[in-house]
C-alpha atoms as a PDB file:
ATOM      1  CA  UNK A   1      94.892 120.408 101.004  1.00  0.00           C
ATOM      2  CA  UNK A   2      97.993 118.243 100.485  1.00  0.00           C
ATOM      3  CA  UNK A   3      96.854 115.860 103.236  1.00  0.00           C
ATOM      4  CA  UNK A   4      93.540 115.326 101.421  1.00  0.00           C
ATOM      5  CA  UNK A   5      95.403 114.391  98.247  1.00  0.00           C
ATOM      6  CA  UNK A   6      97.463 111.910 100.230  1.00  0.00           C
ATOM      7  CA  UNK A   7      94.354 110.381 101.798  1.00  0.00           C
ATOM      8  CA  UNK A   8      92.626 110.093  98.414  1.00  0.00           C
ATOM      9  CA  UNK A   9      95.664 108.218  97.125  1.00  0.00           C
ATOM     10  CA  UNK A  10      95.468 105.848 100.072  1.00  0.00           C
ATOM     11  CA  UNK A  11      91.730 105.343  99.576  1.00  0.00           C
ATOM     12  CA  UNK A  12      92.245 104.914  95.806  1.00  0.00           C
ATOM     13  CA  UNK A  13      89.367 107.313  95.232  1.00  0.00           C
ATOM     14  CA  UNK A  14      89.679 110.734  93.600  1.00  0.00           C
ATOM     15  CA  UNK A  15      86.966 113.110  94.820  1.00  0.00           C
ATOM     16  CA  UNK A  16      85.266 115.614  92.561  1.00  0.00           C
ATOM     17  CA  UNK A  17      84.469 117.621  95.689  1.00  0.00           C
ATOM     18  CA  UNK A  18      87.249 117.130  98.286  1.00  0.00           C
ATOM     19  CA  UNK A  19      85.233 119.167 100.782  1.00  0.00           C
ATOM     20  CA  UNK A  20      83.008 116.102 101.264  1.00  0.00           C
ATOM     21  CA  UNK A  21      86.028 114.038 102.266  1.00  0.00           C
ATOM     22  CA  UNK A  22      87.162 116.788 104.606  1.00  0.00           C
ATOM     23  CA  UNK A  23      83.762 116.874 106.308  1.00  0.00           C
ATOM     24  CA  UNK A  24      83.943 113.110 106.816  1.00  0.00           C
ATOM     25  CA  UNK A  25      86.988 113.696 109.024  1.00  0.00           C
ATOM     26  CA  UNK A  26      85.361 116.259 111.348  1.00  0.00           C
ATOM     27  CA  UNK A  27      84.599 114.832 114.787  1.00  0.00           C
ATOM     28  CA  UNK A  28      81.765 116.432 116.747  1.00  0.00           C
ATOM     29  CA  UNK A  29      84.235 117.698 119.371  1.00  0.00           C
ATOM     30  CA  UNK A  30      86.018 119.778 116.735  1.00  0.00           C
ATOM     31  CA  UNK A  31      82.768 121.151 115.324  1.00  0.00           C
ATOM     32  CA  UNK A  32      81.641 122.139 118.825  1.00  0.00           C
ATOM     33  CA  UNK A  33      84.886 124.005 119.519  1.00  0.00           C
ATOM     34  CA  UNK A  34      85.223 125.552 116.049  1.00  0.00           C
ATOM     35  CA  UNK A  35      81.722 126.365 114.768  1.00  0.00           C
ATOM     36  CA  UNK A  36      82.969 128.921 112.247  1.00  0.00           C
ATOM     37  CA  UNK A  37      85.581 126.592 110.741  1.00  0.00           C
ATOM     38  CA  UNK A  38      83.445 123.455 110.816  1.00  0.00           C
ATOM     39  CA  UNK A  39      79.744 124.175 111.309  1.00  0.00           C
ATOM     40  CA  UNK A  40      78.830 120.476 111.055  1.00  0.00           C
ATOM     41  CA  UNK A  41      80.488 117.223 112.103  1.00  0.00           C
ATOM     42  CA  UNK A  42      80.666 113.929 110.233  1.00  0.00           C
ATOM     43  CA  UNK A  43      77.719 112.409 112.131  1.00  0.00           C
ATOM     44  CA  UNK A  44      75.161 112.779 109.322  1.00  0.00           C
ATOM     45  CA  UNK A  45      77.615 111.238 106.885  1.00  0.00           C
ATOM     46  CA  UNK A  46      78.245 108.450 109.374  1.00  0.00           C
ATOM     47  CA  UNK A  47      74.514 107.685 109.445  1.00  0.00           C
ATOM     48  CA  UNK A  48      74.330 107.434 105.648  1.00  0.00           C
ATOM     49  CA  UNK A  49      77.577 105.475 105.388  1.00  0.00           C
ATOM     50  CA  UNK A  50      76.315 102.863 107.830  1.00  0.00           C
ATOM     51  CA  UNK A  51      73.320 102.222 105.558  1.00  0.00           C
ATOM     52  CA  UNK A  52      75.434 102.053 102.372  1.00  0.00           C
ATOM     53  CA  UNK A  53      77.919  99.708 104.046  1.00  0.00           C
ATOM     54  CA  UNK A  54      75.181  97.387 105.286  1.00  0.00           C
ATOM     55  CA  UNK A  55      73.569  97.228 101.841  1.00  0.00           C
ATOM     56  CA  UNK A  56      76.804  96.517  99.972  1.00  0.00           C
ATOM     57  CA  UNK A  57      77.913  93.791 102.384  1.00  0.00           C
ATOM     58  CA  UNK A  58      74.446  92.190 102.343  1.00  0.00           C
ATOM     59  CA  UNK A  59      74.420  92.205  98.528  1.00  0.00           C
ATOM     60  CA  UNK A  60      77.907  90.671  98.367  1.00  0.00           C
ATOM     61  CA  UNK A  61      77.068  87.931 100.858  1.00  0.00           C
ATOM     62  CA  UNK A  62      73.880  87.125  98.930  1.00  0.00           C
ATOM     63  CA  UNK A  63      75.776  86.805  95.640  1.00  0.00           C
ATOM     64  CA  UNK A  64      78.930  85.105  96.920  1.00  0.00           C
ATOM     65  CA  UNK A  65      77.423  82.546  99.300  1.00  0.00           C
ATOM     66  CA  UNK A  66      74.210  81.081  97.824  1.00  0.00           C
ATOM     67  CA  UNK A  67      74.513  78.146 100.242  1.00  0.00           C
ATOM     68  CA  UNK A  68      74.154  80.331 103.362  1.00  0.00           C
ATOM     69  CA  UNK A  69      70.843  80.763 105.156  1.00  0.00           C
ATOM     70  CA  UNK A  70      69.333  84.102 106.127  1.00  0.00           C
ATOM     71  CA  UNK A  71      70.562  83.632 109.682  1.00  0.00           C
ATOM     72  CA  UNK A  72      74.118  82.836 108.579  1.00  0.00           C
ATOM     73  CA  UNK A  73      74.241  85.867 106.282  1.00  0.00           C
ATOM     74  CA  UNK A  74      72.853  88.081 109.039  1.00  0.00           C
ATOM     75  CA  UNK A  75      75.524  86.957 111.484  1.00  0.00           C
ATOM     76  CA  UNK A  76      78.287  87.362 108.905  1.00  0.00           C
ATOM     77  CA  UNK A  77      77.108  90.837 107.970  1.00  0.00           C
ATOM     78  CA  UNK A  78      77.153  91.793 111.644  1.00  0.00           C
ATOM     79  CA  UNK A  79      80.745  90.588 112.005  1.00  0.00           C
ATOM     80  CA  UNK A  80      81.867  92.462 108.870  1.00  0.00           C
ATOM     81  CA  UNK A  81      80.279  95.817 109.763  1.00  0.00           C
ATOM     82  CA  UNK A  82      80.950  95.762 113.513  1.00  0.00           C
ATOM     83  CA  UNK A  83      82.981  98.560 115.081  1.00  0.00           C
ATOM     84  CA  UNK A  84      86.107  96.444 115.597  1.00  0.00           C
ATOM     85  CA  UNK A  85      86.283  95.456 111.930  1.00  0.00           C
ATOM     86  CA  UNK A  86      85.791  99.037 110.726  1.00  0.00           C
ATOM     87  CA  UNK A  87      88.340 100.394 113.194  1.00  0.00           C
ATOM     88  CA  UNK A  88      90.883  97.827 111.995  1.00  0.00           C
ATOM     89  CA  UNK A  89      90.413  99.078 108.431  1.00  0.00           C
ATOM     90  CA  UNK A  90      90.873 102.642 109.657  1.00  0.00           C
ATOM     91  CA  UNK A  91      94.076 101.710 111.489  1.00  0.00           C
ATOM     92  CA  UNK A  92      95.457 100.016 108.377  1.00  0.00           C
ATOM     93  CA  UNK A  93      95.267 103.301 106.464  1.00  0.00           C
ATOM     94  CA  UNK A  94      96.296 105.432 109.482  1.00  0.00           C
ATOM     95  CA  UNK A  95      93.002 107.319 109.307  1.00  0.00           C
ATOM     96  CA  UNK A  96      93.394 108.606 112.861  1.00  0.00           C
ATOM     97  CA  UNK A  97      96.172 110.916 111.660  1.00  0.00           C
ATOM     98  CA  UNK A  98      93.676 112.793 109.474  1.00  0.00           C
ATOM     99  CA  UNK A  99      90.847 113.380 111.955  1.00  0.00           C
ATOM    100  CA  UNK A 100      89.794 116.844 113.098  1.00  0.00           C
ATOM    101  CA  UNK A 101      89.426 116.574 116.881  1.00  0.00           C
ATOM    102  CA  UNK A 102      88.644 118.985 119.676  1.00  0.00           C
ATOM    103  CA  UNK A 103      91.351 119.641 122.256  1.00  0.00           C
ATOM    104  CA  UNK A 104      89.761 117.432 124.896  1.00  0.00           C
ATOM    105  CA  UNK A 105      89.200 114.548 122.511  1.00  0.00           C
ATOM    106  CA  UNK A 106      92.745 114.874 121.236  1.00  0.00           C
ATOM    107  CA  UNK A 107      94.151 114.794 124.763  1.00  0.00           C
ATOM    108  CA  UNK A 108      92.140 111.683 125.646  1.00  0.00           C
ATOM    109  CA  UNK A 109      93.588 109.645 122.780  1.00  0.00           C
ATOM    110  CA  UNK A 110      90.758 110.268 120.333  1.00  0.00           C
ATOM    111  CA  UNK A 111      92.847 109.326 117.306  1.00  0.00           C
ATOM    112  CA  UNK A 112      93.010 105.738 118.579  1.00  0.00           C
ATOM    113  CA  UNK A 113      89.440 105.319 119.836  1.00  0.00           C
ATOM    114  CA  UNK A 114      87.531 102.580 118.040  1.00  0.00           C
ATOM    115  CA  UNK A 115      84.302 104.587 117.909  1.00  0.00           C
ATOM    116  CA  UNK A 116      86.007 107.576 116.253  1.00  0.00           C
ATOM    117  CA  UNK A 117      87.831 105.422 113.706  1.00  0.00           C
ATOM    118  CA  UNK A 118      84.795 103.310 112.832  1.00  0.00           C
ATOM    119  CA  UNK A 119      82.597 106.397 112.536  1.00  0.00           C
ATOM    120  CA  UNK A 120      85.095 108.096 110.244  1.00  0.00           C
ATOM    121  CA  UNK A 121      85.197 105.061 107.926  1.00  0.00           C
ATOM    122  CA  UNK A 122      81.399 105.096 107.682  1.00  0.00           C
ATOM    123  CA  UNK A 123      81.462 108.837 106.994  1.00  0.00           C
ATOM    124  CA  UNK A 124      84.054 108.340 104.251  1.00  0.00           C
ATOM    125  CA  UNK A 125      81.880 105.656 102.664  1.00  0.00           C
ATOM    126  CA  UNK A 126      79.006 108.153 102.575  1.00  0.00           C
ATOM    127  CA  UNK A 127      81.262 110.857 101.130  1.00  0.00           C
ATOM    128  CA  UNK A 128      82.382 108.487  98.359  1.00  0.00           C
ATOM    129  CA  UNK A 129      78.764 107.492  97.692  1.00  0.00           C
ATOM    130  CA  UNK A 130      77.610 111.119  97.422  1.00  0.00           C
ATOM    131  CA  UNK A 131      80.601 112.247  95.376  1.00  0.00           C
ATOM    132  CA  UNK A 132      81.220 109.306  93.051  1.00  0.00           C
ATOM    133  CA  UNK A 133      78.133 107.095  93.282  1.00  0.00           C
ATOM    134  CA  UNK A 134      77.283 103.626  94.519  1.00  0.00           C
ATOM    135  CA  UNK A 135      79.640 101.716  92.196  1.00  0.00           C
ATOM    136  CA  UNK A 136      82.726 103.501  93.527  1.00  0.00           C
ATOM    137  CA  UNK A 137      81.512 103.180  97.108  1.00  0.00           C
ATOM    138  CA  UNK A 138      80.963  99.454  96.530  1.00  0.00           C
ATOM    139  CA  UNK A 139      84.496  99.044  95.147  1.00  0.00           C
ATOM    140  CA  UNK A 140      85.977 100.766  98.191  1.00  0.00           C
ATOM    141  CA  UNK A 141      83.950  98.713 100.669  1.00  0.00           C
ATOM    142  CA  UNK A 142      84.769  95.393  99.013  1.00  0.00           C
ATOM    143  CA  UNK A 143      88.475  96.226  98.856  1.00  0.00           C
ATOM    144  CA  UNK A 144      88.406  96.955 102.572  1.00  0.00           C
ATOM    145  CA  UNK A 145      86.482  93.764 103.395  1.00  0.00           C
ATOM    146  CA  UNK A 146      88.217  91.543 100.841  1.00  0.00           C
ATOM    147  CA  UNK A 147      90.442  89.650 103.282  1.00  0.00           C
ATOM    148  CA  UNK A 148      87.570  88.738 105.596  1.00  0.00           C
ATOM    149  CA  UNK A 149      85.319  87.728 102.680  1.00  0.00           C
ATOM    150  CA  UNK A 150      88.061  85.493 101.279  1.00  0.00           C
ATOM    151  CA  UNK A 151      88.471  83.838 104.672  1.00  0.00           C
ATOM    152  CA  UNK A 152      84.765  83.022 104.720  1.00  0.00           C
ATOM    153  CA  UNK A 153      84.990  81.634 101.163  1.00  0.00           C
ATOM    154  CA  UNK A 154      87.884  79.310 101.980  1.00  0.00           C
ATOM    155  CA  UNK A 155      87.000  78.283 105.542  1.00  0.00           C
ATOM    156  CA  UNK A 156      83.220  78.527 105.702  1.00  0.00           C
ATOM    157  CA  UNK A 157      80.982  80.360 108.133  1.00  0.00           C
ATOM    158  CA  UNK A 158      81.882  78.113 111.057  1.00  0.00           C
ATOM    159  CA  UNK A 159      85.586  78.894 110.925  1.00  0.00           C
ATOM    160  CA  UNK A 160      84.859  82.587 110.529  1.00  0.00           C
ATOM    161  CA  UNK A 161      83.214  82.846 113.942  1.00  0.00           C
ATOM    162  CA  UNK A 162      86.243  81.405 115.702  1.00  0.00           C
ATOM    163  CA  UNK A 163      88.782  83.396 113.689  1.00  0.00           C
ATOM    164  CA  UNK A 164      86.853  86.647 114.129  1.00  0.00           C
ATOM    165  CA  UNK A 165      86.635  86.102 117.874  1.00  0.00           C
ATOM    166  CA  UNK A 166      90.359  85.434 118.070  1.00  0.00           C
ATOM    167  CA  UNK A 167      91.144  88.563 116.013  1.00  0.00           C
ATOM    168  CA  UNK A 168      89.043  90.773 118.274  1.00  0.00           C
ATOM    169  CA  UNK A 169      90.488  89.344 121.480  1.00  0.00           C
ATOM    170  CA  UNK A 170      94.062  89.663 120.230  1.00  0.00           C
ATOM    171  CA  UNK A 171      93.424  93.237 119.063  1.00  0.00           C
ATOM    172  CA  UNK A 172      92.653  94.010 122.712  1.00  0.00           C
ATOM    173  CA  UNK A 173      95.975  92.505 123.812  1.00  0.00           C
ATOM    174  CA  UNK A 174      94.282  89.605 125.596  1.00  0.00           C
ATOM    175  CA  UNK A 175      95.207  85.889 125.591  1.00  0.00           C
ATOM    176  CA  UNK A 176      93.953  83.607 122.798  1.00  0.00           C
ATOM    177  CA  UNK A 177      90.456  82.226 123.575  1.00  0.00           C
ATOM    178  CA  UNK A 178      90.317  78.648 124.847  1.00  0.00           C
ATOM    179  CA  UNK A 179      87.447  76.167 124.437  1.00  0.00           C
ATOM    180  CA  UNK A 180      86.408  73.635 127.072  1.00  0.00           C
ATOM    181  CA  UNK A 181      83.786  70.877 126.961  1.00  0.00           C
ATOM    182  CA  UNK A 182      81.565  71.344 130.001  1.00  0.00           C
ATOM    183  CA  UNK A 183      79.069  68.574 129.232  1.00  0.00           C
ATOM    184  CA  UNK A 184      78.682  65.557 126.952  1.00  0.00           C
ATOM    185  CA  UNK A 185      75.377  63.731 126.857  1.00  0.00           C
ATOM    186  CA  UNK A 186      73.351  61.226 124.852  1.00  0.00           C
ATOM    187  CA  UNK A 187      74.202  57.842 123.346  1.00  0.00           C
ATOM    188  CA  UNK A 188      77.346  57.407 121.223  1.00  0.00           C
ATOM    189  CA  UNK A 189      75.464  57.723 117.917  1.00  0.00           C
ATOM    190  CA  UNK A 190      73.632  60.877 119.052  1.00  0.00           C
ATOM    191  CA  UNK A 191      76.225  62.570 121.219  1.00  0.00           C
ATOM    192  CA  UNK A 192      75.678  66.200 122.165  1.00  0.00           C
ATOM    193  CA  UNK A 193      78.361  68.499 123.505  1.00  0.00           C
ATOM    194  CA  UNK A 194      78.228  71.751 125.464  1.00  0.00           C
ATOM    195  CA  UNK A 195      81.276  74.012 125.217  1.00  0.00           C
ATOM    196  CA  UNK A 196      82.302  77.316 126.769  1.00  0.00           C
ATOM    197  CA  UNK A 197      84.882  79.725 125.411  1.00  0.00           C
ATOM    198  CA  UNK A 198      87.072  81.593 127.880  1.00  0.00           C
ATOM    199  CA  UNK A 199      89.711  84.278 127.984  1.00  0.00           C
ATOM    200  CA  UNK A 200      91.597  83.626 131.169  1.00  0.00           C
ATOM    201  CA  UNK A 201      88.967  83.007 133.832  1.00  0.00           C
ATOM    202  CA  UNK A 202      86.237  84.934 132.032  1.00  0.00           C
ATOM    203  CA  UNK A 203      83.560  82.971 130.169  1.00  0.00           C
ATOM    204  CA  UNK A 204      82.723  84.812 126.929  1.00  0.00           C
ATOM    205  CA  UNK A 205      80.098  82.457 125.532  1.00  0.00           C
ATOM    206  CA  UNK A 206      78.587  78.977 125.566  1.00  0.00           C
ATOM    207  CA  UNK A 207      77.344  76.741 122.790  1.00  0.00           C
ATOM    208  CA  UNK A 208      76.036  73.254 122.079  1.00  0.00           C
ATOM    209  CA  UNK A 209      76.163  70.904 119.114  1.00  0.00           C
ATOM    210  CA  UNK A 210      76.385  67.328 117.915  1.00  0.00           C
ATOM    211  CA  UNK A 211      80.162  67.586 117.643  1.00  0.00           C
ATOM    212  CA  UNK A 212      82.817  69.425 119.611  1.00  0.00           C
ATOM    213  CA  UNK A 213      83.562  71.563 116.548  1.00  0.00           C
ATOM    214  CA  UNK A 214      79.925  72.585 116.144  1.00  0.00           C
ATOM    215  CA  UNK A 215      79.656  73.410 119.845  1.00  0.00           C
ATOM    216  CA  UNK A 216      82.844  75.511 119.700  1.00  0.00           C
ATOM    217  CA  UNK A 217      81.466  77.386 116.693  1.00  0.00           C
ATOM    218  CA  UNK A 218      78.240  78.159 118.537  1.00  0.00           C
ATOM    219  CA  UNK A 219      80.182  79.296 121.601  1.00  0.00           C
ATOM    220  CA  UNK A 220      82.272  81.642 119.445  1.00  0.00           C
ATOM    221  CA  UNK A 221      79.129  83.007 117.792  1.00  0.00           C
ATOM    222  CA  UNK A 222      77.570  83.642 121.193  1.00  0.00           C
ATOM    223  CA  UNK A 223      80.710  85.439 122.374  1.00  0.00           C
ATOM    224  CA  UNK A 224      80.775  87.652 119.254  1.00  0.00           C
ATOM    225  CA  UNK A 225      77.175  88.710 119.835  1.00  0.00           C
ATOM    226  CA  UNK A 226      77.997  89.756 123.403  1.00  0.00           C
ATOM    227  CA  UNK A 227      81.152  91.583 122.389  1.00  0.00           C
END
C-alpha cells in the first residue's frame, strides 16, 4: 500500500477509503486477466468522473468568464476536458507508473497510451468525489486545470485556441502549425480573410474573419474540433 500513499501525496488528497483509489487504477485488461484480484475495472468510475469533471469546469468557466458566450464556454470546456489535456495531467504526475494493466496491454505500451491515462484521471476524480465529496474533487480538478484557465484569463479565448492547438501538435512531436491566407475579399473597409492552418503539407482546419487574426483563430478552432 506504500505506492497508494505516495500517489495520495502527489494528488494532495488523503483518502478515507484507499481501496477506491486503487480501483481507479485498474484497467479493464487487468480485470479480465485477474478476476479474483480485481473483479471490476475503473470504467464505471471513469463514467462518473467524466460527469463530475464536466460540471466543475463548466461552473468555473461560468463564474470566471462572465463575458463569454455559451458557444465560447462550450468550446473552452471541450478543450479543457479533452483526452489530450487529461493525459498531459496524468503524465505530469507519472500516473502511468501506478496503473494495473494486463500483460498484453503492458507489452503494447499501455502506460503511455492517452486513452488509458485520460481514463485513469477521470476515474480518480470519481474516486475523490465518492470518498471526499464534491468540494475536494473540485479543488483537485481546478489545481490540475489551473495553468490552462490562467492562460485563458490573460490571453482571452481567441489566443487559447491557437495555443491549445500548438500544444497538442507539439505533444505529438510534429512541427509547429503554420497559418496561411488563402483568400482576401471585399473592400478595404470591410475586408474578409480566409485562412488555413497546416502542419507540414496537411491542412488541419480553415477559418474566415474580418481580420487575419480572427481568421487564424477560427482555423485553429476548426482544427481542434477535428482533432
